[in-house]
Amino acid sequence: MKNIISILLLAVMTMGITVPAKAVTDTRKVDAQAVIDLIKEYKVQEGFEIVSVGGLGLGLVRMIAKASADSPEDREMLDILDNLNKIIVVEYEDAGQSGRDSFNRKMEGILEGREKIMEIKDEGETLNLYGTSADDGSSIEDIILYVPEDHTLICLFGSISSQKIADIVKM
């Protein structure tokens, strides 16, 4: 799984360069509210671990991380987080088989027909990466990383500047 995350980070950094400006129509955009509602539905169930960081929390994290960054390059890498308004991480390995199956079925229903930017298969696990490119290609919005076999969901709500991604790739 660590290999998948490394590949994913590289992919996220390069997708701003490679995703066509009109790759996604509004009907293919991830329904962020449906994902948030699903997470709320399962947050009270045993075995679901959820970490949610909203706008204020992200602002504090960015400020602390930038202050402790060792180099201008590190600070520039952190700039890609500037327009994110919420990060949610869901881990549900301990939920039991019926809870995991139920969550996966509902999540797959939400993601069905949405624009899949990338799919990476590694050692029996599939990482699915969803997101929407802005019409002018200037940013990528509402990125969803979903690994059903690893019982993991990571949501980056907001936008990441394609130019900032391209600048980081050039480093």
N, C-alpha and C. Protein backbone atom coordinates (compact mmCIF):
# COMPACT_ATOMS: atom_id res chain seq x y z
N MET A 1 0.82 -1.20 0.00
CA MET A 1 0.00 0.00 0.00
C MET A 1 0.86 1.25 0.00
N LYS A 2 2.03 1.19 0.65
CA LYS A 2 2.91 2.35 0.67
C LYS A 2 3.35 2.70 -0.75
N ASN A 3 3.55 1.67 -1.59
CA ASN A 3 3.90 1.93 -2.99
C ASN A 3 2.78 2.66 -3.69
N ILE A 4 1.56 2.29 -3.41
CA ILE A 4 0.41 2.94 -4.04
C ILE A 4 0.36 4.40 -3.64
N ILE A 5 0.58 4.69 -2.37
CA ILE A 5 0.54 6.08 -1.91
C ILE A 5 1.64 6.89 -2.59
N SER A 6 2.84 6.32 -2.73
CA SER A 6 3.93 7.02 -3.42
C SER A 6 3.56 7.31 -4.86
N ILE A 7 3.01 6.33 -5.55
CA ILE A 7 2.58 6.52 -6.93
C ILE A 7 1.48 7.57 -6.99
N LEU A 8 0.57 7.51 -6.05
CA LEU A 8 -0.53 8.47 -6.01
C LEU A 8 -0.03 9.89 -5.85
N LEU A 9 0.91 10.12 -4.95
CA LEU A 9 1.44 11.46 -4.76
C LEU A 9 2.06 11.98 -6.05
N LEU A 10 2.80 11.13 -6.74
CA LEU A 10 3.36 11.53 -8.02
C LEU A 10 2.26 11.83 -9.02
N ALA A 11 1.22 11.01 -9.03
CA ALA A 11 0.11 11.21 -9.96
C ALA A 11 -0.62 12.51 -9.67
N VAL A 12 -0.88 12.80 -8.41
CA VAL A 12 -1.57 14.04 -8.05
C VAL A 12 -0.75 15.24 -8.49
N MET A 13 0.58 15.13 -8.34
CA MET A 13 1.43 16.25 -8.72
C MET A 13 1.47 16.45 -10.24
N THR A 14 1.25 15.38 -11.00
CA THR A 14 1.33 15.53 -12.45
C THR A 14 -0.02 15.64 -13.12
N MET A 15 -1.10 15.31 -12.44
CA MET A 15 -2.39 15.30 -13.13
C MET A 15 -2.84 16.67 -13.58
N GLY A 16 -2.41 17.71 -12.93
CA GLY A 16 -2.75 19.05 -13.38
C GLY A 16 -2.18 19.35 -14.75
N ILE A 17 -1.10 18.69 -15.09
CA ILE A 17 -0.48 18.88 -16.38
C ILE A 17 -1.16 18.02 -17.43
N THR A 18 -1.64 16.84 -17.04
CA THR A 18 -2.10 15.88 -18.02
C THR A 18 -3.61 15.82 -18.20
N VAL A 19 -4.40 16.36 -17.29
CA VAL A 19 -5.85 16.29 -17.39
C VAL A 19 -6.32 17.38 -18.35
N PRO A 20 -7.05 17.00 -19.42
CA PRO A 20 -7.53 18.01 -20.34
C PRO A 20 -8.49 18.97 -19.66
N ALA A 21 -8.56 20.19 -20.17
CA ALA A 21 -9.37 21.24 -19.54
C ALA A 21 -10.84 20.87 -19.50
N LYS A 22 -11.36 20.17 -20.48
CA LYS A 22 -12.78 19.83 -20.53
C LYS A 22 -13.00 18.35 -20.26
N ALA A 23 -12.18 17.74 -19.40
CA ALA A 23 -12.25 16.30 -19.17
C ALA A 23 -13.54 15.87 -18.50
N VAL A 24 -14.21 16.76 -17.75
CA VAL A 24 -15.34 16.37 -16.94
C VAL A 24 -16.49 17.35 -17.13
N THR A 25 -17.69 16.80 -17.23
CA THR A 25 -18.87 17.66 -17.23
C THR A 25 -19.43 17.67 -15.82
N ASP A 26 -20.36 18.59 -15.54
CA ASP A 26 -20.91 18.69 -14.19
C ASP A 26 -21.57 17.40 -13.73
N THR A 27 -22.17 16.64 -14.64
CA THR A 27 -22.85 15.41 -14.24
C THR A 27 -21.85 14.33 -13.83
N ARG A 28 -20.60 14.49 -14.15
CA ARG A 28 -19.59 13.51 -13.78
C ARG A 28 -18.78 13.93 -12.55
N LYS A 29 -19.10 15.12 -12.02
CA LYS A 29 -18.40 15.64 -10.85
C LYS A 29 -18.80 14.85 -9.61
N VAL A 30 -17.84 14.61 -8.74
CA VAL A 30 -18.11 13.91 -7.48
C VAL A 30 -19.09 14.74 -6.66
N ASP A 31 -20.11 14.10 -6.13
CA ASP A 31 -21.09 14.77 -5.28
C ASP A 31 -20.53 14.80 -3.86
N ALA A 32 -19.82 15.87 -3.54
CA ALA A 32 -19.15 15.99 -2.24
C ALA A 32 -20.14 15.87 -1.09
N GLN A 33 -21.32 16.46 -1.23
CA GLN A 33 -22.30 16.41 -0.13
C GLN A 33 -22.78 14.97 0.11
N ALA A 34 -22.95 14.20 -0.96
CA ALA A 34 -23.37 12.80 -0.80
C ALA A 34 -22.30 12.00 -0.06
N VAL A 35 -21.03 12.27 -0.36
CA VAL A 35 -19.93 11.59 0.33
C VAL A 35 -19.93 11.98 1.80
N ILE A 36 -20.07 13.26 2.09
CA ILE A 36 -20.10 13.74 3.48
C ILE A 36 -21.29 13.14 4.23
N ASP A 37 -22.45 13.07 3.59
CA ASP A 37 -23.63 12.47 4.22
C ASP A 37 -23.41 11.00 4.53
N LEU A 38 -22.77 10.28 3.63
CA LEU A 38 -22.47 8.86 3.87
C LEU A 38 -21.53 8.71 5.06
N ILE A 39 -20.52 9.53 5.11
CA ILE A 39 -19.57 9.47 6.24
C ILE A 39 -20.28 9.78 7.55
N LYS A 40 -21.17 10.76 7.55
CA LYS A 40 -21.95 11.08 8.76
C LYS A 40 -22.80 9.90 9.20
N GLU A 41 -23.37 9.20 8.22
CA GLU A 41 -24.21 8.04 8.52
C GLU A 41 -23.41 6.95 9.24
N TYR A 42 -22.16 6.77 8.87
CA TYR A 42 -21.35 5.68 9.42
C TYR A 42 -20.47 6.10 10.59
N LYS A 43 -20.38 7.39 10.89
CA LYS A 43 -19.46 7.81 11.94
C LYS A 43 -19.83 7.29 13.32
N VAL A 44 -21.09 6.93 13.52
CA VAL A 44 -21.52 6.42 14.82
C VAL A 44 -21.42 4.90 14.90
N GLN A 45 -21.08 4.26 13.80
CA GLN A 45 -20.99 2.79 13.80
C GLN A 45 -19.63 2.34 14.30
N GLU A 46 -19.64 1.27 15.05
CA GLU A 46 -18.42 0.73 15.61
C GLU A 46 -17.47 0.28 14.50
N GLY A 47 -16.19 0.57 14.69
CA GLY A 47 -15.17 0.15 13.74
C GLY A 47 -14.85 1.18 12.67
N PHE A 48 -15.57 2.28 12.64
CA PHE A 48 -15.30 3.35 11.69
C PHE A 48 -14.51 4.44 12.39
N GLU A 49 -13.29 4.69 11.92
CA GLU A 49 -12.46 5.75 12.47
C GLU A 49 -12.44 6.88 11.46
N ILE A 50 -12.85 8.06 11.88
CA ILE A 50 -12.99 9.19 10.97
C ILE A 50 -12.25 10.40 11.54
N VAL A 51 -11.41 10.99 10.71
CA VAL A 51 -10.74 12.23 11.05
C VAL A 51 -11.19 13.26 10.03
N SER A 52 -11.73 14.36 10.52
CA SER A 52 -12.21 15.43 9.65
C SER A 52 -11.58 16.74 10.09
N VAL A 53 -10.94 17.42 9.15
CA VAL A 53 -10.30 18.70 9.44
C VAL A 53 -10.95 19.73 8.53
N GLY A 54 -11.60 20.71 9.12
CA GLY A 54 -12.29 21.75 8.36
C GLY A 54 -11.40 22.95 8.08
N GLY A 55 -12.01 24.01 7.62
CA GLY A 55 -11.28 25.21 7.20
C GLY A 55 -10.37 25.81 8.24
N LEU A 56 -10.87 26.01 9.46
CA LEU A 56 -10.05 26.60 10.52
C LEU A 56 -8.88 25.68 10.87
N GLY A 57 -9.18 24.40 11.02
CA GLY A 57 -8.13 23.43 11.34
C GLY A 57 -7.07 23.36 10.25
N LEU A 58 -7.51 23.38 8.99
CA LEU A 58 -6.55 23.37 7.88
C LEU A 58 -5.70 24.63 7.88
N GLY A 59 -6.31 25.76 8.19
CA GLY A 59 -5.55 27.01 8.26
C GLY A 59 -4.46 26.94 9.31
N LEU A 60 -4.78 26.39 10.47
CA LEU A 60 -3.78 26.25 11.53
C LEU A 60 -2.68 25.27 11.13
N VAL A 61 -3.06 24.15 10.53
CA VAL A 61 -2.08 23.17 10.09
C VAL A 61 -1.15 23.79 9.05
N ARG A 62 -1.72 24.51 8.08
CA ARG A 62 -0.90 25.16 7.05
C ARG A 62 0.08 26.15 7.67
N MET A 63 -0.41 26.95 8.61
CA MET A 63 0.43 27.96 9.24
C MET A 63 1.58 27.31 10.00
N ILE A 64 1.29 26.29 10.76
CA ILE A 64 2.32 25.60 11.54
C ILE A 64 3.31 24.89 10.62
N ALA A 65 2.78 24.20 9.60
CA ALA A 65 3.65 23.47 8.68
C ALA A 65 4.56 24.41 7.91
N LYS A 66 4.02 25.54 7.45
CA LYS A 66 4.85 26.49 6.70
C LYS A 66 5.92 27.12 7.60
N ALA A 67 5.56 27.38 8.85
CA ALA A 67 6.53 27.96 9.78
C ALA A 67 7.67 27.00 10.08
N SER A 68 7.37 25.71 10.07
CA SER A 68 8.41 24.73 10.38
C SER A 68 9.07 24.15 9.14
N ALA A 69 8.65 24.58 7.95
CA ALA A 69 9.26 24.08 6.71
C ALA A 69 10.72 24.52 6.64
N ASP A 70 11.57 23.60 6.23
CA ASP A 70 13.01 23.86 6.23
C ASP A 70 13.50 24.67 5.03
N SER A 71 12.76 24.66 3.94
CA SER A 71 13.26 25.33 2.74
C SER A 71 12.10 26.00 1.99
N PRO A 72 12.43 26.92 1.09
CA PRO A 72 11.38 27.54 0.27
C PRO A 72 10.63 26.49 -0.57
N GLU A 73 11.33 25.44 -0.99
CA GLU A 73 10.68 24.38 -1.76
C GLU A 73 9.63 23.66 -0.92
N ASP A 74 9.96 23.41 0.35
CA ASP A 74 8.99 22.77 1.25
C ASP A 74 7.75 23.65 1.42
N ARG A 75 7.98 24.96 1.61
CA ARG A 75 6.85 25.89 1.76
C ARG A 75 6.01 25.93 0.49
N GLU A 76 6.66 25.88 -0.67
CA GLU A 76 5.93 25.90 -1.94
C GLU A 76 5.08 24.64 -2.10
N MET A 77 5.62 23.50 -1.63
CA MET A 77 4.83 22.27 -1.69
C MET A 77 3.58 22.38 -0.84
N LEU A 78 3.69 23.04 0.30
CA LEU A 78 2.54 23.22 1.18
C LEU A 78 1.50 24.16 0.59
N ASP A 79 1.90 25.00 -0.37
CA ASP A 79 0.97 25.93 -1.01
C ASP A 79 -0.16 25.21 -1.74
N ILE A 80 0.06 23.95 -2.12
CA ILE A 80 -1.00 23.25 -2.84
C ILE A 80 -2.23 23.04 -1.96
N LEU A 81 -2.07 23.19 -0.66
CA LEU A 81 -3.18 23.00 0.27
C LEU A 81 -4.00 24.28 0.49
N ASP A 82 -3.57 25.40 -0.10
CA ASP A 82 -4.19 26.69 0.18
C ASP A 82 -5.69 26.75 -0.06
N ASN A 83 -6.19 26.09 -1.08
CA ASN A 83 -7.61 26.20 -1.41
C ASN A 83 -8.43 24.97 -1.04
N LEU A 84 -7.90 24.16 -0.14
CA LEU A 84 -8.70 23.05 0.39
C LEU A 84 -9.51 23.56 1.56
N ASN A 85 -10.79 23.14 1.64
CA ASN A 85 -11.62 23.57 2.77
C ASN A 85 -11.92 22.45 3.75
N LYS A 86 -11.65 21.20 3.35
CA LYS A 86 -11.93 20.10 4.26
C LYS A 86 -11.15 18.87 3.80
N ILE A 87 -10.59 18.18 4.77
CA ILE A 87 -9.96 16.88 4.52
C ILE A 87 -10.63 15.89 5.45
N ILE A 88 -11.06 14.76 4.89
CA ILE A 88 -11.67 13.70 5.70
C ILE A 88 -10.97 12.39 5.38
N VAL A 89 -10.58 11.68 6.43
CA VAL A 89 -9.98 10.36 6.28
C VAL A 89 -10.87 9.38 7.02
N VAL A 90 -11.26 8.31 6.32
CA VAL A 90 -12.10 7.26 6.92
C VAL A 90 -11.35 5.94 6.82
N GLU A 91 -11.21 5.27 7.95
CA GLU A 91 -10.60 3.93 7.99
C GLU A 91 -11.61 3.03 8.68
N TYR A 92 -11.98 1.93 8.00
CA TYR A 92 -13.06 1.11 8.55
C TYR A 92 -12.75 -0.38 8.51
N GLU A 93 -11.49 -0.72 8.68
CA GLU A 93 -11.07 -2.12 8.68
C GLU A 93 -11.70 -2.90 9.84
N ASP A 94 -11.90 -2.26 10.98
CA ASP A 94 -12.43 -2.93 12.17
C ASP A 94 -13.95 -2.91 12.24
N ALA A 95 -14.61 -2.53 11.16
CA ALA A 95 -16.06 -2.39 11.17
C ALA A 95 -16.81 -3.71 11.08
N GLY A 96 -16.16 -4.78 10.76
CA GLY A 96 -16.86 -6.04 10.55
C GLY A 96 -17.27 -6.14 9.09
N GLN A 97 -17.40 -7.37 8.63
CA GLN A 97 -17.65 -7.61 7.21
C GLN A 97 -18.93 -6.94 6.69
N SER A 98 -20.02 -7.03 7.44
CA SER A 98 -21.28 -6.45 6.95
C SER A 98 -21.20 -4.93 6.89
N GLY A 99 -20.54 -4.30 7.87
CA GLY A 99 -20.38 -2.84 7.86
C GLY A 99 -19.50 -2.38 6.71
N ARG A 100 -18.40 -3.12 6.49
CA ARG A 100 -17.50 -2.78 5.38
C ARG A 100 -18.21 -2.94 4.04
N ASP A 101 -18.92 -4.06 3.88
CA ASP A 101 -19.63 -4.31 2.61
C ASP A 101 -20.70 -3.25 2.36
N SER A 102 -21.44 -2.90 3.40
CA SER A 102 -22.49 -1.89 3.28
C SER A 102 -21.91 -0.53 2.88
N PHE A 103 -20.85 -0.11 3.56
CA PHE A 103 -20.21 1.16 3.24
C PHE A 103 -19.67 1.15 1.80
N ASN A 104 -18.99 0.07 1.43
CA ASN A 104 -18.43 -0.02 0.08
C ASN A 104 -19.53 0.05 -0.99
N ARG A 105 -20.63 -0.65 -0.76
CA ARG A 105 -21.74 -0.64 -1.72
C ARG A 105 -22.28 0.79 -1.91
N LYS A 106 -22.49 1.48 -0.79
CA LYS A 106 -23.02 2.85 -0.86
C LYS A 106 -22.01 3.81 -1.48
N MET A 107 -20.73 3.66 -1.12
CA MET A 107 -19.71 4.54 -1.68
C MET A 107 -19.58 4.32 -3.18
N GLU A 108 -19.59 3.07 -3.60
CA GLU A 108 -19.51 2.76 -5.03
C GLU A 108 -20.72 3.30 -5.78
N GLY A 109 -21.89 3.32 -5.13
CA GLY A 109 -23.08 3.90 -5.73
C GLY A 109 -22.91 5.40 -5.94
N ILE A 110 -22.32 6.08 -4.97
CA ILE A 110 -22.08 7.52 -5.08
C ILE A 110 -21.08 7.81 -6.20
N LEU A 111 -20.06 6.97 -6.31
CA LEU A 111 -18.99 7.22 -7.29
C LEU A 111 -19.31 6.70 -8.69
N GLU A 112 -20.35 5.88 -8.80
CA GLU A 112 -20.70 5.33 -10.11
C GLU A 112 -20.99 6.44 -11.12
N GLY A 113 -20.35 6.35 -12.27
CA GLY A 113 -20.56 7.33 -13.33
C GLY A 113 -19.76 8.61 -13.16
N ARG A 114 -19.01 8.72 -12.09
CA ARG A 114 -18.20 9.91 -11.86
C ARG A 114 -16.87 9.76 -12.59
N GLU A 115 -16.19 10.87 -12.78
CA GLU A 115 -14.93 10.86 -13.51
C GLU A 115 -13.82 10.24 -12.66
N LYS A 116 -13.31 9.11 -13.12
CA LYS A 116 -12.20 8.46 -12.44
C LYS A 116 -10.92 8.94 -13.12
N ILE A 117 -10.10 9.64 -12.38
CA ILE A 117 -8.86 10.16 -12.93
C ILE A 117 -7.86 9.03 -13.13
N MET A 118 -7.85 8.09 -12.18
CA MET A 118 -6.84 7.06 -12.22
C MET A 118 -7.26 5.86 -11.39
N GLU A 119 -6.78 4.70 -11.81
CA GLU A 119 -6.96 3.48 -11.03
C GLU A 119 -5.61 2.79 -10.98
N ILE A 120 -5.16 2.45 -9.76
CA ILE A 120 -3.87 1.79 -9.58
C ILE A 120 -4.12 0.48 -8.85
N LYS A 121 -3.66 -0.63 -9.45
CA LYS A 121 -3.79 -1.94 -8.81
C LYS A 121 -2.42 -2.39 -8.36
N ASP A 122 -2.34 -2.81 -7.09
CA ASP A 122 -1.08 -3.25 -6.51
C ASP A 122 -1.36 -4.27 -5.42
N GLU A 123 -0.78 -5.44 -5.54
CA GLU A 123 -0.87 -6.48 -4.53
C GLU A 123 -2.30 -6.73 -4.06
N GLY A 124 -3.24 -6.86 -4.99
CA GLY A 124 -4.62 -7.19 -4.66
C GLY A 124 -5.46 -6.02 -4.19
N GLU A 125 -4.90 -4.83 -4.17
CA GLU A 125 -5.65 -3.64 -3.77
C GLU A 125 -5.78 -2.70 -4.96
N THR A 126 -6.89 -2.01 -5.01
CA THR A 126 -7.13 -1.05 -6.08
C THR A 126 -7.37 0.32 -5.49
N LEU A 127 -6.52 1.26 -5.87
CA LEU A 127 -6.70 2.64 -5.46
C LEU A 127 -7.44 3.35 -6.58
N ASN A 128 -8.59 3.92 -6.26
CA ASN A 128 -9.39 4.67 -7.22
C ASN A 128 -9.27 6.14 -6.88
N LEU A 129 -8.93 6.95 -7.89
CA LEU A 129 -8.75 8.38 -7.70
C LEU A 129 -9.77 9.12 -8.55
N TYR A 130 -10.63 9.87 -7.89
CA TYR A 130 -11.68 10.65 -8.55
C TYR A 130 -11.41 12.13 -8.33
N GLY A 131 -11.86 12.96 -9.24
CA GLY A 131 -11.72 14.39 -9.10
C GLY A 131 -12.27 15.08 -10.34
N THR A 132 -12.32 16.40 -10.29
CA THR A 132 -12.87 17.17 -11.40
C THR A 132 -11.89 18.27 -11.77
N SER A 133 -11.59 18.35 -13.05
CA SER A 133 -10.75 19.44 -13.54
C SER A 133 -11.64 20.64 -13.83
N ALA A 134 -11.20 21.82 -13.42
CA ALA A 134 -11.94 23.05 -13.74
C ALA A 134 -12.01 23.19 -15.27
N ASP A 135 -13.04 23.86 -15.75
CA ASP A 135 -13.23 24.03 -17.19
C ASP A 135 -12.00 24.60 -17.88
N ASP A 136 -11.29 25.50 -17.21
CA ASP A 136 -10.12 26.11 -17.83
C ASP A 136 -8.83 25.36 -17.49
N GLY A 137 -8.94 24.25 -16.76
CA GLY A 137 -7.77 23.44 -16.42
C GLY A 137 -6.91 24.05 -15.33
N SER A 138 -7.38 25.11 -14.68
CA SER A 138 -6.56 25.81 -13.69
C SER A 138 -6.46 25.08 -12.35
N SER A 139 -7.40 24.16 -12.09
CA SER A 139 -7.38 23.47 -10.81
C SER A 139 -8.07 22.11 -10.92
N ILE A 140 -7.86 21.32 -9.89
CA ILE A 140 -8.54 20.03 -9.75
C ILE A 140 -9.31 20.11 -8.44
N GLU A 141 -10.58 19.75 -8.50
CA GLU A 141 -11.47 19.94 -7.36
C GLU A 141 -11.96 18.61 -6.80
N ASP A 142 -12.21 18.61 -5.50
CA ASP A 142 -12.85 17.50 -4.79
C ASP A 142 -12.23 16.14 -5.16
N ILE A 143 -11.04 15.93 -4.66
CA ILE A 143 -10.30 14.70 -4.94
C ILE A 143 -10.70 13.63 -3.92
N ILE A 144 -11.05 12.46 -4.44
CA ILE A 144 -11.44 11.32 -3.61
C ILE A 144 -10.47 10.17 -3.90
N LEU A 145 -9.83 9.66 -2.85
CA LEU A 145 -8.98 8.48 -2.96
C LEU A 145 -9.72 7.37 -2.22
N TYR A 146 -10.03 6.31 -2.94
CA TYR A 146 -10.87 5.26 -2.38
C TYR A 146 -10.19 3.92 -2.62
N VAL A 147 -9.89 3.19 -1.52
CA VAL A 147 -9.25 1.88 -1.59
C VAL A 147 -10.14 0.90 -0.82
N PRO A 148 -11.14 0.31 -1.50
CA PRO A 148 -12.09 -0.53 -0.78
C PRO A 148 -11.46 -1.76 -0.12
N GLU A 149 -10.47 -2.38 -0.74
CA GLU A 149 -9.85 -3.57 -0.14
C GLU A 149 -9.05 -3.23 1.11
N ASP A 150 -8.57 -2.00 1.19
CA ASP A 150 -7.82 -1.55 2.36
C ASP A 150 -8.73 -0.82 3.35
N HIS A 151 -10.02 -0.70 2.99
CA HIS A 151 -11.03 -0.08 3.84
C HIS A 151 -10.64 1.35 4.21
N THR A 152 -10.28 2.12 3.17
CA THR A 152 -9.79 3.48 3.36
C THR A 152 -10.43 4.42 2.35
N LEU A 153 -10.79 5.60 2.84
CA LEU A 153 -11.33 6.67 2.00
C LEU A 153 -10.67 7.97 2.44
N ILE A 154 -10.11 8.72 1.48
CA ILE A 154 -9.51 10.01 1.78
C ILE A 154 -10.16 11.03 0.85
N CYS A 155 -10.70 12.09 1.44
CA CYS A 155 -11.38 13.14 0.67
C CYS A 155 -10.65 14.46 0.86
N LEU A 156 -10.32 15.10 -0.25
CA LEU A 156 -9.71 16.42 -0.24
C LEU A 156 -10.70 17.36 -0.92
N PHE A 157 -11.53 18.03 -0.13
CA PHE A 157 -12.57 18.90 -0.68
C PHE A 157 -12.03 20.32 -0.84
N GLY A 158 -12.30 20.89 -1.99
CA GLY A 158 -11.78 22.20 -2.36
C GLY A 158 -11.06 22.04 -3.68
N SER A 159 -10.05 22.86 -3.90
CA SER A 159 -9.34 22.75 -5.17
C SER A 159 -7.84 22.84 -4.95
N ILE A 160 -7.11 22.24 -5.88
CA ILE A 160 -5.66 22.29 -5.89
C ILE A 160 -5.26 22.91 -7.21
N SER A 161 -4.46 23.93 -7.18
CA SER A 161 -4.04 24.65 -8.37
C SER A 161 -3.16 23.77 -9.26
N SER A 162 -3.53 23.68 -10.52
CA SER A 162 -2.72 22.94 -11.49
C SER A 162 -1.35 23.57 -11.64
N GLN A 163 -1.27 24.90 -11.60
CA GLN A 163 0.02 25.59 -11.74
C GLN A 163 0.94 25.26 -10.57
N LYS A 164 0.38 25.22 -9.36
CA LYS A 164 1.21 24.89 -8.20
C LYS A 164 1.71 23.45 -8.30
N ILE A 165 0.86 22.56 -8.78
CA ILE A 165 1.28 21.17 -8.99
C ILE A 165 2.41 21.13 -10.01
N ALA A 166 2.25 21.84 -11.10
CA ALA A 166 3.27 21.87 -12.16
C ALA A 166 4.58 22.44 -11.62
N ASP A 167 4.51 23.48 -10.79
CA ASP A 167 5.72 24.08 -10.22
C ASP A 167 6.46 23.07 -9.33
N ILE A 168 5.71 22.31 -8.57
CA ILE A 168 6.31 21.31 -7.70
C ILE A 168 6.98 20.20 -8.52
N VAL A 169 6.32 19.79 -9.60
CA VAL A 169 6.89 18.74 -10.46
C VAL A 169 8.22 19.21 -11.06
N LYS A 170 8.34 20.50 -11.35
CA LYS A 170 9.56 21.05 -11.95
C LYS A 170 10.73 21.09 -10.96
N MET A 171 10.45 21.02 -9.65
CA MET A 171 11.51 21.11 -8.63
C MET A 171 12.49 19.97 -8.75
